[in-house]
Amino acid sequence: MYTGCFGAAAGVLNLIFLTYVSDASFVAVNAMKNILGSLGNLVALIVFIFGAKVDWGESDTACNWFVYW
């Protein structure tokens, strides 16, 4: 879930961790980081789709306030 909310910070943490535990080149480690980040975002998307209840009326009010402010 951390990756789904804070993708940039999770990418840096994954890069540090994968560089530490792997003897692969930086290019390969970066590719592994991108795959892990994509999987994390996919899991977060699934959780948000099926687990979150969005109050669209409230979001519409907030958008209208921002546009007309």
C-alpha atoms as a PDB file:
ATOM      1  CA  MET A   1       0.000   0.000   0.000  1.00  0.00           C
ATOM      2  CA  TYR A   2       2.895   2.380   0.657  1.00  0.00           C
ATOM      3  CA  THR A   3       3.913   2.198  -2.994  1.00  0.00           C
ATOM      4  CA  GLY A   4       0.394   3.050  -4.145  1.00  0.00           C
ATOM      5  CA  CYS A   5       0.321   6.220  -2.067  1.00  0.00           C
ATOM      6  CA  PHE A   6       3.950   7.348  -2.099  1.00  0.00           C
ATOM      7  CA  GLY A   7       5.374   6.009  -5.354  1.00  0.00           C
ATOM      8  CA  ALA A   8       8.493   8.184  -5.576  1.00  0.00           C
ATOM      9  CA  ALA A   9       9.700   7.459  -2.054  1.00  0.00           C
ATOM     10  CA  ALA A  10       8.931   3.761  -2.436  1.00  0.00           C
ATOM     11  CA  GLY A  11      10.929   3.718  -5.677  1.00  0.00           C
ATOM     12  CA  VAL A  12      13.969   5.158  -3.935  1.00  0.00           C
ATOM     13  CA  LEU A  13      13.635   2.691  -1.056  1.00  0.00           C
ATOM     14  CA  ASN A  14      13.219  -0.228  -3.468  1.00  0.00           C
ATOM     15  CA  LEU A  15      16.256   0.902  -5.454  1.00  0.00           C
ATOM     16  CA  ILE A  16      18.390   1.074  -2.307  1.00  0.00           C
ATOM     17  CA  PHE A  17      17.186  -2.316  -1.094  1.00  0.00           C
ATOM     18  CA  LEU A  18      17.567  -4.066  -4.453  1.00  0.00           C
ATOM     19  CA  THR A  19      21.052  -2.602  -4.969  1.00  0.00           C
ATOM     20  CA  TYR A  20      22.047  -3.902  -1.540  1.00  0.00           C
ATOM     21  CA  VAL A  21      20.713  -7.468  -1.993  1.00  0.00           C
ATOM     22  CA  SER A  22      21.506  -7.964  -5.693  1.00  0.00           C
ATOM     23  CA  ASP A  23      24.731  -8.227  -7.655  1.00  0.00           C
ATOM     24  CA  ALA A  24      22.946  -7.263 -10.884  1.00  0.00           C
ATOM     25  CA  SER A  25      23.814  -4.167 -12.891  1.00  0.00           C
ATOM     26  CA  PHE A  26      22.131  -0.879 -12.114  1.00  0.00           C
ATOM     27  CA  VAL A  27      20.017  -1.156 -15.259  1.00  0.00           C
ATOM     28  CA  ALA A  28      18.673  -4.566 -14.161  1.00  0.00           C
ATOM     29  CA  VAL A  29      18.066  -3.334 -10.609  1.00  0.00           C
ATOM     30  CA  ASN A  30      16.194  -0.309 -11.952  1.00  0.00           C
ATOM     31  CA  ALA A  31      14.036  -2.593 -14.111  1.00  0.00           C
ATOM     32  CA  MET A  32      13.244  -4.749 -11.052  1.00  0.00           C
ATOM     33  CA  LYS A  33      12.335  -1.575  -9.140  1.00  0.00           C
ATOM     34  CA  ASN A  34       9.956  -0.514 -11.908  1.00  0.00           C
ATOM     35  CA  ILE A  35       8.277  -3.930 -11.925  1.00  0.00           C
ATOM     36  CA  LEU A  36       7.876  -3.890  -8.132  1.00  0.00           C
ATOM     37  CA  GLY A  37       6.477  -0.358  -8.253  1.00  0.00           C
ATOM     38  CA  SER A  38       3.999  -1.312 -10.963  1.00  0.00           C
ATOM     39  CA  LEU A  39       2.838  -4.338  -8.987  1.00  0.00           C
ATOM     40  CA  GLY A  40       2.460  -2.195  -5.867  1.00  0.00           C
ATOM     41  CA  ASN A  41       0.380   0.341  -7.784  1.00  0.00           C
ATOM     42  CA  LEU A  42      -1.766  -2.454  -9.215  1.00  0.00           C
ATOM     43  CA  VAL A  43      -2.448  -3.843  -5.741  1.00  0.00           C
ATOM     44  CA  ALA A  44      -3.313  -0.347  -4.461  1.00  0.00           C
ATOM     45  CA  LEU A  45      -5.637   0.201  -7.434  1.00  0.00           C
ATOM     46  CA  ILE A  46      -7.474  -3.045  -6.741  1.00  0.00           C
ATOM     47  CA  VAL A  47      -7.815  -2.202  -3.042  1.00  0.00           C
ATOM     48  CA  PHE A  48      -9.068   1.308  -3.818  1.00  0.00           C
ATOM     49  CA  ILE A  49     -11.552   0.085  -6.439  1.00  0.00           C
ATOM     50  CA  PHE A  50     -13.112  -2.617  -4.303  1.00  0.00           C
ATOM     51  CA  GLY A  51     -12.526  -1.272  -0.810  1.00  0.00           C
ATOM     52  CA  ALA A  52     -13.043   2.468  -1.014  1.00  0.00           C
ATOM     53  CA  LYS A  53     -16.336   4.258  -0.926  1.00  0.00           C
ATOM     54  CA  VAL A  54     -16.085   7.593  -2.744  1.00  0.00           C
ATOM     55  CA  ASP A  55     -18.574  10.319  -1.909  1.00  0.00           C
ATOM     56  CA  TRP A  56     -18.816  11.845  -5.374  1.00  0.00           C
ATOM     57  CA  GLY A  57     -21.168  14.583  -4.201  1.00  0.00           C
ATOM     58  CA  GLU A  58     -18.585  15.818  -1.739  1.00  0.00           C
ATOM     59  CA  SER A  59     -15.802  15.675  -4.324  1.00  0.00           C
ATOM     60  CA  ASP A  60     -17.963  17.641  -6.769  1.00  0.00           C
ATOM     61  CA  THR A  61     -18.485  20.313  -4.133  1.00  0.00           C
ATOM     62  CA  ALA A  62     -14.759  20.549  -3.503  1.00  0.00           C
ATOM     63  CA  CYS A  63     -14.005  20.825  -7.231  1.00  0.00           C
ATOM     64  CA  ASN A  64     -16.625  23.519  -7.716  1.00  0.00           C
ATOM     65  CA  TRP A  65     -15.226  25.479  -4.786  1.00  0.00           C
ATOM     66  CA  PHE A  66     -11.759  25.318  -6.315  1.00  0.00           C
ATOM     67  CA  VAL A  67     -12.924  26.320  -9.791  1.00  0.00           C
ATOM     68  CA  TYR A  68     -15.054  29.256  -8.618  1.00  0.00           C
ATOM     69  CA  TRP A  69     -12.697  30.477  -5.918  1.00  0.00           C
END
